[in-house]
Amino acid sequence: MSRARFEAKVDRNGPVPAHRPELGPCHLWTAQRTKQGYGRFWLNCKDEQAHRVAFFFEHGRWPEPFACHGCDNTSCVRIEHLFEGTPQDNMNDMS
């Protein structure tokens, strides 16, 4: 039930990241977002970041410590665009 509710809020026709075209199009979160653009999803009585929920649905566990965006699009929830990493890993990927 939660997975179907999650998928109903995803637009699979997002932009292709110009700096990483090999990733293909982003899957954009269309529901509530934070001021920084991160999607929000209510799961198990808790407000979670949508990209972390996407990681959870795919891997059956929460990312430790973070789910980072290889596409640099904070509203993207496409699992192929996400990687598990540290804040330093995220900063290295951004540069």
Protein backbone atom coordinates (compact mmCIF):
# COMPACT_ATOMS: atom_id res chain seq x y z
CA MET A 1 0.00 0.00 0.00
CA SER A 2 2.70 2.51 0.94
CA ARG A 3 4.77 1.69 -2.15
CA ALA A 4 1.81 2.33 -4.48
CA ARG A 5 1.04 5.58 -2.63
CA PHE A 6 4.70 6.60 -3.03
CA GLU A 7 4.84 5.73 -6.75
CA ALA A 8 1.68 7.77 -7.41
CA LYS A 9 3.65 10.89 -6.44
CA VAL A 10 6.52 10.33 -8.90
CA ASP A 11 6.88 11.85 -12.39
CA ARG A 12 9.23 9.61 -14.37
CA ASN A 13 9.65 12.21 -17.15
CA GLY A 14 12.04 14.56 -15.39
CA PRO A 15 15.06 16.25 -16.89
CA VAL A 16 18.27 14.45 -17.80
CA PRO A 17 21.13 15.88 -15.69
CA ALA A 18 23.33 17.90 -18.06
CA HIS A 19 26.49 16.97 -16.16
CA ARG A 20 25.58 13.23 -16.05
CA PRO A 21 23.47 12.42 -19.15
CA GLU A 22 24.36 8.73 -18.86
CA LEU A 23 22.07 8.56 -15.81
CA GLY A 24 18.96 9.18 -17.89
CA PRO A 25 15.97 11.23 -16.72
CA CYS A 26 15.27 12.09 -13.11
CA HIS A 27 12.13 10.75 -11.46
CA LEU A 28 10.71 13.84 -9.80
CA TRP A 29 8.79 13.95 -6.56
CA THR A 30 5.50 15.77 -7.23
CA ALA A 31 4.10 16.02 -3.70
CA GLN A 32 5.21 18.05 -0.69
CA ARG A 33 8.81 19.32 -0.66
CA THR A 34 11.05 21.15 1.77
CA LYS A 35 12.39 24.63 1.03
CA GLN A 36 15.54 22.91 -0.27
CA GLY A 37 13.46 20.84 -2.72
CA TYR A 38 13.67 17.46 -0.96
CA GLY A 39 10.49 15.42 -1.22
CA ARG A 40 8.56 14.52 1.93
CA PHE A 41 6.65 11.27 2.44
CA TRP A 42 4.70 10.03 5.46
CA LEU A 43 5.76 6.44 6.23
CA ASN A 44 5.18 4.43 9.41
CA CYS A 45 3.87 7.48 11.28
CA LYS A 46 6.97 9.52 10.43
CA ASP A 47 7.73 12.29 7.94
CA GLU A 48 10.65 11.03 5.83
CA GLN A 49 12.68 12.40 2.94
CA ALA A 50 11.31 10.85 -0.26
CA HIS A 51 14.71 9.93 -1.71
CA ARG A 52 15.54 8.02 1.50
CA VAL A 53 12.19 6.20 1.24
CA ALA A 54 13.02 5.26 -2.37
CA PHE A 55 16.31 3.79 -1.12
CA PHE A 56 14.45 1.94 1.65
CA PHE A 57 11.92 0.44 -0.76
CA GLU A 58 14.70 -0.73 -3.09
CA HIS A 59 17.14 -2.12 -0.50
CA GLY A 60 14.91 -2.99 2.46
CA ARG A 61 16.96 -0.80 4.79
CA TRP A 62 17.65 2.87 5.41
CA PRO A 63 20.78 4.40 3.85
CA GLU A 64 23.65 4.91 6.29
CA PRO A 65 24.37 7.61 6.82
CA PHE A 66 22.83 9.31 3.76
CA ALA A 67 21.27 8.74 0.35
CA CYS A 68 23.07 11.14 -1.97
CA HIS A 69 21.94 12.36 -5.40
CA GLY A 70 24.35 11.63 -8.26
CA CYS A 71 22.14 13.85 -10.42
CA ASP A 72 22.29 16.74 -7.90
CA ASN A 73 18.50 17.11 -8.16
CA THR A 74 17.07 17.19 -4.63
CA SER A 75 13.56 16.26 -5.80
CA CYS A 76 14.76 13.15 -7.68
CA VAL A 77 13.81 9.74 -6.27
CA ARG A 78 15.16 7.55 -9.10
CA ILE A 79 17.07 4.74 -7.40
CA GLU A 80 19.73 4.69 -10.13
CA HIS A 81 20.52 8.32 -9.29
CA LEU A 82 20.97 7.67 -5.57
CA PHE A 83 24.00 6.34 -3.77
CA GLU A 84 24.75 5.68 -0.14
CA GLY A 85 27.43 7.93 1.25
CA THR A 86 28.81 10.27 3.85
CA PRO A 87 28.59 14.06 3.79
CA GLN A 88 32.14 14.06 2.38
CA ASP A 89 31.13 11.61 -0.37
CA ASN A 90 28.29 13.96 -1.27
CA MET A 91 30.58 17.00 -1.36
CA ASN A 92 33.11 15.10 -3.54
CA ASP A 93 30.33 14.11 -5.95
CA MET A 94 29.07 17.69 -6.19
CA SER A 95 32.46 19.06 -7.25
